[in-house]
Amino acid sequence: MGKTFNHSHYELRFQSLYNPGRGYSFPCDAGGHVDLDGLSDRERNSYLYARALIGRELSMPAVQLSDR
């Protein structure tokens, strides 16, 4: 009997501390690891920017199932 794999997609979300519903999200695995090599230059720059703003403008990131 073959194995069934769950192909769920996850994203790492950085929510704005000041503007509800705003923030950044990036594709990741279930552990929250983002494949930087798989991101475009613009996405990679946004990811690094979001990480730098944790606690100032953005919340700690959370892993969530992607709705995409």
PDB file of N, CA and C in Angstrom:
ATOM      1  N   MET A   1       0.843  -1.176   0.000  1.00  0.00           N
ATOM      2  CA  MET A   1       0.000   0.000   0.000  1.00  0.00           C
ATOM      3  C   MET A   1       0.891   1.242   0.000  1.00  0.00           C
ATOM      4  N   GLY A   2       0.596   2.212  -0.850  1.00  0.00           N
ATOM      5  CA  GLY A   2       1.407   3.415  -0.967  1.00  0.00           C
ATOM      6  C   GLY A   2       1.175   4.386   0.174  1.00  0.00           C
ATOM      7  N   LYS A   3       2.168   5.201   0.417  1.00  0.00           N
ATOM      8  CA  LYS A   3       2.063   6.223   1.458  1.00  0.00           C
ATOM      9  C   LYS A   3       1.401   7.461   0.893  1.00  0.00           C
ATOM     10  N   THR A   4       0.646   8.140   1.731  1.00  0.00           N
ATOM     11  CA  THR A   4       0.028   9.406   1.355  1.00  0.00           C
ATOM     12  C   THR A   4       0.761  10.523   2.061  1.00  0.00           C
ATOM     13  N   PHE A   5       1.156  11.527   1.308  1.00  0.00           N
ATOM     14  CA  PHE A   5       1.869  12.657   1.884  1.00  0.00           C
ATOM     15  C   PHE A   5       0.960  13.871   1.904  1.00  0.00           C
ATOM     16  N   ASN A   6       1.062  14.644   2.963  1.00  0.00           N
ATOM     17  CA  ASN A   6       0.309  15.883   3.073  1.00  0.00           C
ATOM     18  C   ASN A   6       1.143  16.993   2.445  1.00  0.00           C
ATOM     19  N   HIS A   7       0.650  17.566   1.375  1.00  0.00           N
ATOM     20  CA  HIS A   7       1.388  18.616   0.662  1.00  0.00           C
ATOM     21  C   HIS A   7       0.893  19.998   1.054  1.00  0.00           C
ATOM     22  N   SER A   8       0.733  20.214   2.352  1.00  0.00           N
ATOM     23  CA  SER A   8       0.293  21.515   2.838  1.00  0.00           C
ATOM     24  C   SER A   8       1.376  22.555   2.594  1.00  0.00           C
ATOM     25  N   HIS A   9       0.950  23.770   2.382  1.00  0.00           N
ATOM     26  CA  HIS A   9       1.885  24.866   2.175  1.00  0.00           C
ATOM     27  C   HIS A   9       1.818  25.799   3.374  1.00  0.00           C
ATOM     28  N   TYR A  10       2.971  26.221   3.820  1.00  0.00           N
ATOM     29  CA  TYR A  10       3.075  27.085   4.981  1.00  0.00           C
ATOM     30  C   TYR A  10       3.661  28.425   4.580  1.00  0.00           C
ATOM     31  N   GLU A  11       3.424  29.414   5.425  1.00  0.00           N
ATOM     32  CA  GLU A  11       4.052  30.713   5.234  1.00  0.00           C
ATOM     33  C   GLU A  11       4.449  31.273   6.589  1.00  0.00           C
ATOM     34  N   LEU A  12       5.502  32.055   6.561  1.00  0.00           N
ATOM     35  CA  LEU A  12       5.987  32.743   7.743  1.00  0.00           C
ATOM     36  C   LEU A  12       5.448  34.157   7.664  1.00  0.00           C
ATOM     37  N   ARG A  13       4.631  34.542   8.652  1.00  0.00           N
ATOM     38  CA  ARG A  13       3.974  35.855   8.615  1.00  0.00           C
ATOM     39  C   ARG A  13       4.536  36.782   9.686  1.00  0.00           C
ATOM     40  N   PHE A  14       4.878  37.976   9.253  1.00  0.00           N
ATOM     41  CA  PHE A  14       5.306  39.057  10.121  1.00  0.00           C
ATOM     42  C   PHE A  14       4.168  40.074  10.105  1.00  0.00           C
ATOM     43  N   GLN A  15       3.426  40.216  11.186  1.00  0.00           N
ATOM     44  CA  GLN A  15       2.288  41.137  11.253  1.00  0.00           C
ATOM     45  C   GLN A  15       2.748  42.521  11.715  1.00  0.00           C
ATOM     46  N   SER A  16       2.144  43.546  11.165  1.00  0.00           N
ATOM     47  CA  SER A  16       2.437  44.912  11.582  1.00  0.00           C
ATOM     48  C   SER A  16       1.955  45.124  13.019  1.00  0.00           C
ATOM     49  N   LEU A  17       2.749  45.822  13.801  1.00  0.00           N
ATOM     50  CA  LEU A  17       2.356  46.149  15.173  1.00  0.00           C
ATOM     51  C   LEU A  17       1.390  47.328  15.214  1.00  0.00           C
ATOM     52  N   TYR A  18       1.340  48.114  14.153  1.00  0.00           N
ATOM     53  CA  TYR A  18       0.563  49.347  14.156  1.00  0.00           C
ATOM     54  C   TYR A  18      -0.578  49.386  13.156  1.00  0.00           C
ATOM     55  N   ASN A  19      -0.546  48.557  12.145  1.00  0.00           N
ATOM     56  CA  ASN A  19      -1.582  48.532  11.111  1.00  0.00           C
ATOM     57  C   ASN A  19      -2.136  47.114  10.983  1.00  0.00           C
ATOM     58  N   PRO A  20      -3.209  46.793  11.699  1.00  0.00           N
ATOM     59  CA  PRO A  20      -3.777  45.443  11.641  1.00  0.00           C
ATOM     60  C   PRO A  20      -4.075  45.017  10.198  1.00  0.00           C
ATOM     61  N   GLY A  21      -3.750  43.779   9.890  1.00  0.00           N
ATOM     62  CA  GLY A  21      -3.977  43.257   8.553  1.00  0.00           C
ATOM     63  C   GLY A  21      -2.831  43.495   7.594  1.00  0.00           C
ATOM     64  N   ARG A  22      -1.846  44.273   8.006  1.00  0.00           N
ATOM     65  CA  ARG A  22      -0.690  44.567   7.154  1.00  0.00           C
ATOM     66  C   ARG A  22       0.496  43.771   7.657  1.00  0.00           C
ATOM     67  N   GLY A  23       1.462  43.550   6.796  1.00  0.00           N
ATOM     68  CA  GLY A  23       2.671  42.840   7.175  1.00  0.00           C
ATOM     69  C   GLY A  23       3.308  42.162   5.976  1.00  0.00           C
ATOM     70  N   TYR A  24       4.114  41.156   6.248  1.00  0.00           N
ATOM     71  CA  TYR A  24       4.840  40.436   5.217  1.00  0.00           C
ATOM     72  C   TYR A  24       4.612  38.946   5.422  1.00  0.00           C
ATOM     73  N   SER A  25       4.614  38.182   4.333  1.00  0.00           N
ATOM     74  CA  SER A  25       4.558  36.726   4.441  1.00  0.00           C
ATOM     75  C   SER A  25       5.473  36.115   3.393  1.00  0.00           C
ATOM     76  N   PHE A  26       6.070  34.987   3.757  1.00  0.00           N
ATOM     77  CA  PHE A  26       7.038  34.311   2.900  1.00  0.00           C
ATOM     78  C   PHE A  26       6.808  32.813   2.963  1.00  0.00           C
ATOM     79  N   PRO A  27       6.972  32.108   1.847  1.00  0.00           N
ATOM     80  CA  PRO A  27       6.801  30.652   1.866  1.00  0.00           C
ATOM     81  C   PRO A  27       7.860  30.014   2.762  1.00  0.00           C
ATOM     82  N   CYS A  28       7.454  28.984   3.506  1.00  0.00           N
ATOM     83  CA  CYS A  28       8.380  28.294   4.398  1.00  0.00           C
ATOM     84  C   CYS A  28       7.927  26.844   4.554  1.00  0.00           C
ATOM     85  N   ASP A  29       8.698  26.071   5.318  1.00  0.00           N
ATOM     86  CA  ASP A  29       8.277  24.717   5.648  1.00  0.00           C
ATOM     87  C   ASP A  29       7.549  24.742   6.990  1.00  0.00           C
ATOM     88  N   ALA A  30       7.124  23.592   7.460  1.00  0.00           N
ATOM     89  CA  ALA A  30       6.352  23.519   8.701  1.00  0.00           C
ATOM     90  C   ALA A  30       7.147  24.016   9.907  1.00  0.00           C
ATOM     91  N   GLY A  31       8.472  24.001   9.817  1.00  0.00           N
ATOM     92  CA  GLY A  31       9.319  24.477  10.904  1.00  0.00           C
ATOM     93  C   GLY A  31       9.630  25.958  10.835  1.00  0.00           C
ATOM     94  N   GLY A  32       9.110  26.643   9.809  1.00  0.00           N
ATOM     95  CA  GLY A  32       9.348  28.075   9.679  1.00  0.00           C
ATOM     96  C   GLY A  32      10.620  28.437   8.946  1.00  0.00           C
ATOM     97  N   HIS A  33      11.248  27.469   8.293  1.00  0.00           N
ATOM     98  CA  HIS A  33      12.488  27.729   7.566  1.00  0.00           C
ATOM     99  C   HIS A  33      12.184  28.239   6.168  1.00  0.00           C
ATOM    100  N   VAL A  34      12.702  29.401   5.859  1.00  0.00           N
ATOM    101  CA  VAL A  34      12.506  30.028   4.548  1.00  0.00           C
ATOM    102  C   VAL A  34      13.695  29.680   3.660  1.00  0.00           C
ATOM    103  N   ASP A  35      13.422  29.219   2.444  1.00  0.00           N
ATOM    104  CA  ASP A  35      14.470  28.909   1.475  1.00  0.00           C
ATOM    105  C   ASP A  35      14.899  30.204   0.792  1.00  0.00           C
ATOM    106  N   LEU A  36      15.945  30.830   1.304  1.00  0.00           N
ATOM    107  CA  LEU A  36      16.391  32.113   0.759  1.00  0.00           C
ATOM    108  C   LEU A  36      16.811  32.002  -0.701  1.00  0.00           C
ATOM    109  N   ASP A  37      17.374  30.867  -1.082  1.00  0.00           N
ATOM    110  CA  ASP A  37      17.791  30.683  -2.469  1.00  0.00           C
ATOM    111  C   ASP A  37      16.593  30.579  -3.406  1.00  0.00           C
ATOM    112  N   GLY A  38      15.432  30.213  -2.881  1.00  0.00           N
ATOM    113  CA  GLY A  38      14.232  30.090  -3.689  1.00  0.00           C
ATOM    114  C   GLY A  38      13.463  31.395  -3.853  1.00  0.00           C
ATOM    115  N   LEU A  39      13.891  32.437  -3.145  1.00  0.00           N
ATOM    116  CA  LEU A  39      13.224  33.738  -3.226  1.00  0.00           C
ATOM    117  C   LEU A  39      13.854  34.587  -4.321  1.00  0.00           C
ATOM    118  N   SER A  40      13.063  35.461  -4.902  1.00  0.00           N
ATOM    119  CA  SER A  40      13.618  36.440  -5.845  1.00  0.00           C
ATOM    120  C   SER A  40      14.441  37.451  -5.047  1.00  0.00           C
ATOM    121  N   ASP A  41      15.206  38.264  -5.734  1.00  0.00           N
ATOM    122  CA  ASP A  41      16.000  39.290  -5.038  1.00  0.00           C
ATOM    123  C   ASP A  41      15.102  40.221  -4.229  1.00  0.00           C
ATOM    124  N   ARG A  42      13.984  40.612  -4.817  1.00  0.00           N
ATOM    125  CA  ARG A  42      13.066  41.517  -4.123  1.00  0.00           C
ATOM    126  C   ARG A  42      12.476  40.849  -2.878  1.00  0.00           C
ATOM    127  N   GLU A  43      12.059  39.584  -3.014  1.00  0.00           N
ATOM    128  CA  GLU A  43      11.504  38.859  -1.862  1.00  0.00           C
ATOM    129  C   GLU A  43      12.549  38.672  -0.767  1.00  0.00           C
ATOM    130  N   ARG A  44      13.773  38.335  -1.165  1.00  0.00           N
ATOM    131  CA  ARG A  44      14.853  38.147  -0.187  1.00  0.00           C
ATOM    132  C   ARG A  44      15.129  39.444   0.570  1.00  0.00           C
ATOM    133  N   ASN A  45      15.168  40.571  -0.147  1.00  0.00           N
ATOM    134  CA  ASN A  45      15.381  41.863   0.513  1.00  0.00           C
ATOM    135  C   ASN A  45      14.238  42.184   1.464  1.00  0.00           C
ATOM    136  N   SER A  46      13.010  41.887   1.063  1.00  0.00           N
ATOM    137  CA  SER A  46      11.854  42.125   1.933  1.00  0.00           C
ATOM    138  C   SER A  46      11.905  41.242   3.165  1.00  0.00           C
ATOM    139  N   TYR A  47      12.324  39.992   2.994  1.00  0.00           N
ATOM    140  CA  TYR A  47      12.447  39.075   4.130  1.00  0.00           C
ATOM    141  C   TYR A  47      13.479  39.588   5.136  1.00  0.00           C
ATOM    142  N   LEU A  48      14.630  39.980   4.649  1.00  0.00           N
ATOM    143  CA  LEU A  48      15.677  40.497   5.541  1.00  0.00           C
ATOM    144  C   LEU A  48      15.242  41.796   6.207  1.00  0.00           C
ATOM    145  N   TYR A  49      14.522  42.629   5.478  1.00  0.00           N
ATOM    146  CA  TYR A  49      13.982  43.869   6.028  1.00  0.00           C
ATOM    147  C   TYR A  49      12.981  43.562   7.145  1.00  0.00           C
ATOM    148  N   ALA A  50      12.080  42.616   6.892  1.00  0.00           N
ATOM    149  CA  ALA A  50      11.079  42.233   7.898  1.00  0.00           C
ATOM    150  C   ALA A  50      11.759  41.712   9.156  1.00  0.00           C
ATOM    151  N   ARG A  51      12.774  40.888   9.009  1.00  0.00           N
ATOM    152  CA  ARG A  51      13.491  40.369  10.188  1.00  0.00           C
ATOM    153  C   ARG A  51      14.128  41.491  10.990  1.00  0.00           C
ATOM    154  N   ALA A  52      14.637  42.513  10.303  1.00  0.00           N
ATOM    155  CA  ALA A  52      15.287  43.629  10.986  1.00  0.00           C
ATOM    156  C   ALA A  52      14.286  44.484  11.759  1.00  0.00           C
ATOM    157  N   LEU A  53      13.006  44.447  11.363  1.00  0.00           N
ATOM    158  CA  LEU A  53      11.995  45.293  11.997  1.00  0.00           C
ATOM    159  C   LEU A  53      11.203  44.594  13.108  1.00  0.00           C
ATOM    160  N   ILE A  54      11.582  43.371  13.456  1.00  0.00           N
ATOM    161  CA  ILE A  54      10.886  42.655  14.526  1.00  0.00           C
ATOM    162  C   ILE A  54      11.020  43.457  15.824  1.00  0.00           C
ATOM    163  N   GLY A  55       9.881  43.715  16.452  1.00  0.00           N
ATOM    164  CA  GLY A  55       9.857  44.455  17.705  1.00  0.00           C
ATOM    165  C   GLY A  55       9.765  45.960  17.539  1.00  0.00           C
ATOM    166  N   ARG A  56      10.056  46.452  16.360  1.00  0.00           N
ATOM    167  CA  ARG A  56       9.955  47.891  16.092  1.00  0.00           C
ATOM    168  C   ARG A  56       8.681  48.204  15.322  1.00  0.00           C
ATOM    169  N   GLU A  57       8.508  47.515  14.206  1.00  0.00           N
ATOM    170  CA  GLU A  57       7.347  47.718  13.338  1.00  0.00           C
ATOM    171  C   GLU A  57       6.533  46.438  13.160  1.00  0.00           C
ATOM    172  N   LEU A  58       7.204  45.281  13.334  1.00  0.00           N
ATOM    173  CA  LEU A  58       6.572  43.994  13.064  1.00  0.00           C
ATOM    174  C   LEU A  58       6.661  43.062  14.264  1.00  0.00           C
ATOM    175  N   SER A  59       5.683  42.154  14.343  1.00  0.00           N
ATOM    176  CA  SER A  59       5.672  41.163  15.416  1.00  0.00           C
ATOM    177  C   SER A  59       6.649  40.035  15.108  1.00  0.00           C
ATOM    178  N   MET A  60       6.887  39.188  16.104  1.00  0.00           N
ATOM    179  CA  MET A  60       7.650  37.965  15.867  1.00  0.00           C
ATOM    180  C   MET A  60       6.895  37.168  14.814  1.00  0.00           C
ATOM    181  N   PRO A  61       7.604  36.531  13.896  1.00  0.00           N
ATOM    182  CA  PRO A  61       6.894  35.799  12.842  1.00  0.00           C
ATOM    183  C   PRO A  61       6.206  34.557  13.374  1.00  0.00           C
ATOM    184  N   ALA A  62       5.140  34.168  12.688  1.00  0.00           N
ATOM    185  CA  ALA A  62       4.390  32.959  13.039  1.00  0.00           C
ATOM    186  C   ALA A  62       4.233  32.106  11.789  1.00  0.00           C
ATOM    187  N   VAL A  63       4.354  30.790  11.966  1.00  0.00           N
ATOM    188  CA  VAL A  63       4.133  29.856  10.863  1.00  0.00           C
ATOM    189  C   VAL A  63       2.638  29.571  10.790  1.00  0.00           C
ATOM    190  N   GLN A  64       2.078  29.721   9.602  1.00  0.00           N
ATOM    191  CA  GLN A  64       0.651  29.467   9.398  1.00  0.00           C
ATOM    192  C   GLN A  64       0.468  28.739   8.082  1.00  0.00           C
ATOM    193  N   LEU A  65      -0.643  27.993   8.005  1.00  0.00           N
ATOM    194  CA  LEU A  65      -0.991  27.385   6.723  1.00  0.00           C
ATOM    195  C   LEU A  65      -1.287  28.498   5.734  1.00  0.00           C
ATOM    196  N   SER A  66      -0.768  28.335   4.551  1.00  0.00           N
ATOM    197  CA  SER A  66      -0.977  29.342   3.515  1.00  0.00           C
ATOM    198  C   SER A  66      -2.351  29.172   2.898  1.00  0.00           C
ATOM    199  N   ASP A  67      -2.992  30.280   2.588  1.00  0.00           N
ATOM    200  CA  ASP A  67      -4.282  30.220   1.923  1.00  0.00           C
ATOM    201  C   ASP A  67      -4.116  30.411   0.419  1.00  0.00           C
ATOM    202  N   ARG A  68      -2.898  30.341  -0.064  1.00  0.00           N
ATOM    203  CA  ARG A  68      -2.610  30.498  -1.501  1.00  0.00           C
ATOM    204  C   ARG A  68      -2.641  29.159  -2.186  1.00  0.00           C
TER     205      ARG A  68
END
